[in-house]
Amino acid sequence: MSEEMTIQWCLKRAELMFKCIKGFMIEMASLVGDETRTVQFLVPK
């Protein structure tokens, strides 16, 4: 982790990612149709 990547920075970045994912999932759920969708998230170690 570099000096710019403080714990606070990482927390804010994670919060932004979760908000984007939430928005994406809400948008996908609102689409019309009976089609089943699967979303997979890959997180690096």
Protein backbone atom coordinates (compact mmCIF):
# COMPACT_ATOMS: atom_id res chain seq x y z
CA MET A 1 0.00 0.00 0.00
CA SER A 2 1.43 3.37 -0.98
CA GLU A 3 1.31 6.55 1.09
CA GLU A 4 -1.68 7.86 -0.90
CA MET A 5 -3.66 4.71 -0.13
CA THR A 6 -4.52 5.34 3.50
CA ILE A 7 -7.18 3.37 5.36
CA GLN A 8 -9.57 6.32 5.02
CA TRP A 9 -8.95 6.50 1.27
CA CYS A 10 -9.58 2.76 0.91
CA LEU A 11 -12.83 3.01 2.88
CA LYS A 12 -14.10 5.86 0.70
CA ARG A 13 -13.11 3.96 -2.43
CA ALA A 14 -14.92 0.83 -1.22
CA GLU A 15 -18.04 2.87 -0.39
CA LEU A 16 -18.03 4.35 -3.90
CA MET A 17 -17.68 0.88 -5.43
CA PHE A 18 -20.61 -0.45 -3.38
CA LYS A 19 -22.79 2.49 -4.44
CA CYS A 20 -21.95 1.87 -8.10
CA ILE A 21 -22.69 -1.84 -7.77
CA LYS A 22 -25.97 -1.09 -6.00
CA GLY A 23 -27.01 1.29 -8.78
CA PHE A 24 -26.09 -1.27 -11.43
CA MET A 25 -28.09 -4.00 -9.71
CA ILE A 26 -31.15 -1.75 -9.26
CA GLU A 27 -30.96 -0.79 -12.94
CA MET A 28 -30.67 -4.43 -14.03
CA ALA A 29 -33.59 -5.48 -11.80
CA SER A 30 -35.83 -2.80 -13.28
CA LEU A 31 -35.48 -4.07 -16.84
CA VAL A 32 -38.60 -5.71 -18.21
CA GLY A 33 -38.51 -9.42 -18.89
CA ASP A 34 -38.57 -12.83 -17.30
CA GLU A 35 -34.95 -13.46 -18.13
CA THR A 36 -32.75 -14.60 -15.23
CA ARG A 37 -29.45 -12.77 -14.82
CA THR A 38 -26.36 -13.76 -12.89
CA VAL A 39 -23.80 -11.23 -11.68
CA GLN A 40 -20.37 -12.46 -10.60
CA PHE A 41 -17.86 -10.32 -8.73
CA LEU A 42 -14.17 -11.15 -8.81
CA VAL A 43 -12.03 -9.61 -6.09
CA PRO A 44 -8.23 -9.85 -6.28
CA LYS A 45 -6.37 -11.25 -3.30
